[in-house]
Structure formats: C-alpha cells, structure tokens
Amino acid sequence: MKLIECIGKRIDNLLKERGLTQYELSERGGIPRSTINVIIGAKRKTTQIDTIYQIADTLGISLKQFFDDNLFDNISD
C-alpha cells in the first residue's frame, strides 16, 4: 500500500474507533472537510505533515501514536 493510502486508512480507522465522522473532525479541528475527504480517499499523491499533525492533535494523539500502526510497516512507494 502506498504511504498516502496508509495515512488515509489510518485516519478512517481512528474516526471509526472514536465514532466520529469526517464532518465532526472538520468542525473540531478547523480542517476543511474537503481536505479530510481528499486525504482519506488518497486522491492526491502527498499531504502535508502539518495537516496530519492537526488531525492527530484533534483526535487526541501524537504524531508518534498516529504513525505507530501496522499499516505503516509495508509501504510500497
């Protein structure tokens, strides 16, 4: 799986774990919903680390915790 796909999947999994929607993440974090949708759907080849940080912070986790997932073990970029 490509890195951007892993990031999108991780965000989607975290939202499901917390019972949140993309809209709620957008509202709580001040992140445009379109940005969240693009990241989760892997519609771009890259995303900015500060956006990932803002999402992680809104979800109450650190960047280390965000990337500490088996999804990131076998990136094929």
N, C-alpha and C. Protein backbone atom coordinates (compact mmCIF):
# COMPACT_ATOMS: atom_id res chain seq x y z
N MET A 1 0.85 -1.17 0.00
CA MET A 1 0.00 0.00 0.00
C MET A 1 0.90 1.24 0.00
N LYS A 2 0.49 2.25 -0.70
CA LYS A 2 1.26 3.49 -0.77
C LYS A 2 1.08 4.29 0.52
N LEU A 3 2.05 5.15 0.80
CA LEU A 3 2.03 5.95 2.03
C LEU A 3 0.74 6.75 2.17
N ILE A 4 0.32 7.44 1.13
CA ILE A 4 -0.87 8.27 1.21
C ILE A 4 -2.10 7.42 1.49
N GLU A 5 -2.13 6.20 0.96
CA GLU A 5 -3.24 5.28 1.25
C GLU A 5 -3.23 4.85 2.70
N CYS A 6 -2.04 4.60 3.24
CA CYS A 6 -1.90 4.23 4.65
C CYS A 6 -2.38 5.36 5.56
N ILE A 7 -2.00 6.58 5.22
CA ILE A 7 -2.42 7.73 6.02
C ILE A 7 -3.94 7.86 6.00
N GLY A 8 -4.53 7.76 4.84
CA GLY A 8 -5.98 7.85 4.73
C GLY A 8 -6.69 6.74 5.50
N LYS A 9 -6.17 5.54 5.39
CA LYS A 9 -6.76 4.40 6.10
C LYS A 9 -6.63 4.58 7.61
N ARG A 10 -5.49 5.09 8.05
CA ARG A 10 -5.27 5.31 9.48
C ARG A 10 -6.27 6.34 10.02
N ILE A 11 -6.47 7.42 9.31
CA ILE A 11 -7.43 8.43 9.74
C ILE A 11 -8.84 7.83 9.78
N ASP A 12 -9.19 7.11 8.74
CA ASP A 12 -10.51 6.48 8.69
C ASP A 12 -10.69 5.52 9.87
N ASN A 13 -9.69 4.71 10.17
CA ASN A 13 -9.76 3.78 11.29
C ASN A 13 -9.91 4.52 12.63
N LEU A 14 -9.15 5.60 12.80
CA LEU A 14 -9.24 6.37 14.03
C LEU A 14 -10.62 7.00 14.20
N LEU A 15 -11.19 7.49 13.11
CA LEU A 15 -12.53 8.05 13.18
C LEU A 15 -13.55 6.99 13.58
N LYS A 16 -13.43 5.82 13.00
CA LYS A 16 -14.35 4.72 13.34
C LYS A 16 -14.20 4.31 14.80
N GLU A 17 -12.94 4.22 15.28
CA GLU A 17 -12.69 3.85 16.67
C GLU A 17 -13.35 4.84 17.64
N ARG A 18 -13.36 6.10 17.24
CA ARG A 18 -13.89 7.15 18.12
C ARG A 18 -15.35 7.49 17.84
N GLY A 19 -15.92 6.84 16.84
CA GLY A 19 -17.31 7.10 16.49
C GLY A 19 -17.54 8.49 15.94
N LEU A 20 -16.54 8.99 15.20
CA LEU A 20 -16.62 10.34 14.63
C LEU A 20 -16.79 10.27 13.12
N THR A 21 -17.36 11.32 12.57
CA THR A 21 -17.47 11.47 11.12
C THR A 21 -16.40 12.43 10.63
N GLN A 22 -16.22 12.45 9.33
CA GLN A 22 -15.30 13.43 8.74
C GLN A 22 -15.76 14.84 9.06
N TYR A 23 -17.05 15.05 9.04
CA TYR A 23 -17.61 16.37 9.34
C TYR A 23 -17.24 16.79 10.77
N GLU A 24 -17.39 15.88 11.74
CA GLU A 24 -17.07 16.20 13.12
C GLU A 24 -15.59 16.50 13.29
N LEU A 25 -14.74 15.74 12.62
CA LEU A 25 -13.30 16.01 12.67
C LEU A 25 -13.02 17.40 12.09
N SER A 26 -13.67 17.71 11.00
CA SER A 26 -13.50 19.01 10.36
C SER A 26 -13.90 20.14 11.30
N GLU A 27 -15.06 20.00 11.92
CA GLU A 27 -15.57 21.03 12.83
C GLU A 27 -14.68 21.20 14.05
N ARG A 28 -14.27 20.10 14.65
CA ARG A 28 -13.45 20.16 15.87
C ARG A 28 -12.04 20.66 15.61
N GLY A 29 -11.49 20.31 14.44
CA GLY A 29 -10.11 20.65 14.16
C GLY A 29 -9.90 21.86 13.29
N GLY A 30 -10.99 22.42 12.76
CA GLY A 30 -10.84 23.56 11.87
C GLY A 30 -10.16 23.19 10.56
N ILE A 31 -10.34 21.95 10.16
CA ILE A 31 -9.73 21.43 8.92
C ILE A 31 -10.84 21.34 7.88
N PRO A 32 -10.64 21.88 6.69
CA PRO A 32 -11.70 21.78 5.69
C PRO A 32 -12.09 20.32 5.45
N ARG A 33 -13.39 20.07 5.40
CA ARG A 33 -13.87 18.71 5.19
C ARG A 33 -13.36 18.16 3.87
N SER A 34 -13.25 19.02 2.88
CA SER A 34 -12.74 18.58 1.57
C SER A 34 -11.31 18.07 1.69
N THR A 35 -10.51 18.68 2.55
CA THR A 35 -9.14 18.23 2.77
C THR A 35 -9.13 16.83 3.39
N ILE A 36 -9.96 16.63 4.40
CA ILE A 36 -10.05 15.33 5.05
C ILE A 36 -10.51 14.27 4.05
N ASN A 37 -11.50 14.61 3.25
CA ASN A 37 -12.02 13.69 2.25
C ASN A 37 -10.95 13.30 1.22
N VAL A 38 -10.18 14.27 0.79
CA VAL A 38 -9.12 14.02 -0.19
C VAL A 38 -8.04 13.11 0.40
N ILE A 39 -7.68 13.34 1.67
CA ILE A 39 -6.66 12.52 2.31
C ILE A 39 -7.16 11.09 2.50
N ILE A 40 -8.36 10.93 3.05
CA ILE A 40 -8.90 9.59 3.29
C ILE A 40 -9.08 8.83 1.97
N GLY A 41 -9.50 9.53 0.93
CA GLY A 41 -9.69 8.90 -0.36
C GLY A 41 -8.42 8.74 -1.18
N ALA A 42 -7.28 9.18 -0.63
CA ALA A 42 -5.98 9.10 -1.32
C ALA A 42 -6.09 9.69 -2.73
N LYS A 43 -6.73 10.85 -2.83
CA LYS A 43 -6.95 11.48 -4.13
C LYS A 43 -5.78 12.35 -4.58
N ARG A 44 -4.80 12.51 -3.71
CA ARG A 44 -3.55 13.21 -4.06
C ARG A 44 -2.40 12.28 -3.76
N LYS A 45 -1.25 12.60 -4.30
CA LYS A 45 -0.07 11.76 -4.06
C LYS A 45 0.61 12.07 -2.74
N THR A 46 0.37 13.26 -2.19
CA THR A 46 1.02 13.67 -0.94
C THR A 46 0.05 14.46 -0.08
N THR A 47 0.44 14.62 1.17
CA THR A 47 -0.26 15.53 2.07
C THR A 47 0.78 16.15 2.99
N GLN A 48 0.47 17.28 3.54
CA GLN A 48 1.44 17.99 4.37
C GLN A 48 1.43 17.44 5.79
N ILE A 49 2.61 17.36 6.38
CA ILE A 49 2.75 16.83 7.73
C ILE A 49 2.01 17.69 8.74
N ASP A 50 1.93 19.00 8.51
CA ASP A 50 1.21 19.84 9.47
C ASP A 50 -0.29 19.54 9.46
N THR A 51 -0.81 19.10 8.32
CA THR A 51 -2.22 18.70 8.26
C THR A 51 -2.42 17.40 9.04
N ILE A 52 -1.50 16.46 8.89
CA ILE A 52 -1.58 15.21 9.65
C ILE A 52 -1.46 15.51 11.14
N TYR A 53 -0.57 16.43 11.49
CA TYR A 53 -0.42 16.81 12.90
C TYR A 53 -1.72 17.39 13.43
N GLN A 54 -2.35 18.27 12.67
CA GLN A 54 -3.60 18.90 13.10
C GLN A 54 -4.70 17.85 13.29
N ILE A 55 -4.76 16.88 12.41
CA ILE A 55 -5.74 15.80 12.53
C ILE A 55 -5.45 14.97 13.76
N ALA A 56 -4.18 14.57 13.94
CA ALA A 56 -3.81 13.76 15.10
C ALA A 56 -4.10 14.50 16.40
N ASP A 57 -3.75 15.77 16.44
CA ASP A 57 -3.99 16.58 17.63
C ASP A 57 -5.49 16.67 17.94
N THR A 58 -6.28 16.85 16.93
CA THR A 58 -7.74 16.91 17.11
C THR A 58 -8.27 15.59 17.65
N LEU A 59 -7.65 14.48 17.24
CA LEU A 59 -8.06 13.16 17.70
C LEU A 59 -7.44 12.80 19.06
N GLY A 60 -6.60 13.69 19.58
CA GLY A 60 -6.02 13.48 20.90
C GLY A 60 -4.84 12.54 20.94
N ILE A 61 -4.11 12.45 19.82
CA ILE A 61 -2.92 11.60 19.79
C ILE A 61 -1.74 12.38 19.22
N SER A 62 -0.55 11.88 19.49
CA SER A 62 0.66 12.50 18.96
C SER A 62 0.95 11.96 17.56
N LEU A 63 1.88 12.59 16.87
CA LEU A 63 2.30 12.07 15.57
C LEU A 63 2.91 10.69 15.72
N LYS A 64 3.65 10.49 16.80
CA LYS A 64 4.25 9.16 17.05
C LYS A 64 3.16 8.11 17.15
N GLN A 65 2.11 8.42 17.89
CA GLN A 65 1.00 7.47 18.02
C GLN A 65 0.27 7.29 16.69
N PHE A 66 0.17 8.34 15.92
CA PHE A 66 -0.50 8.25 14.62
C PHE A 66 0.22 7.25 13.73
N PHE A 67 1.54 7.36 13.66
CA PHE A 67 2.32 6.51 12.76
C PHE A 67 2.69 5.16 13.38
N ASP A 68 2.38 4.96 14.65
CA ASP A 68 2.67 3.69 15.31
C ASP A 68 1.53 2.71 15.06
N ASP A 69 1.45 2.24 13.84
CA ASP A 69 0.40 1.32 13.43
C ASP A 69 0.97 0.37 12.38
N ASN A 70 0.49 -0.86 12.36
CA ASN A 70 0.99 -1.85 11.42
C ASN A 70 0.77 -1.45 9.97
N LEU A 71 -0.14 -0.55 9.71
CA LEU A 71 -0.37 -0.09 8.34
C LEU A 71 0.92 0.44 7.71
N PHE A 72 1.78 1.02 8.53
CA PHE A 72 2.98 1.68 8.01
C PHE A 72 4.18 0.75 7.92
N ASP A 73 3.99 -0.54 8.18
CA ASP A 73 5.10 -1.49 8.16
C ASP A 73 5.55 -1.88 6.76
N ASN A 74 4.66 -1.87 5.80
CA ASN A 74 4.99 -2.34 4.45
C ASN A 74 4.55 -1.37 3.39
N ILE A 75 5.08 -0.16 3.45
CA ILE A 75 4.73 0.86 2.46
C ILE A 75 5.43 0.54 1.14
N SER A 76 4.70 0.68 0.04
CA SER A 76 5.25 0.28 -1.26
C SER A 76 5.52 1.45 -2.19
N ASP A 77 5.80 2.62 -1.65
CA ASP A 77 6.09 3.79 -2.51
C ASP A 77 7.41 3.67 -3.18
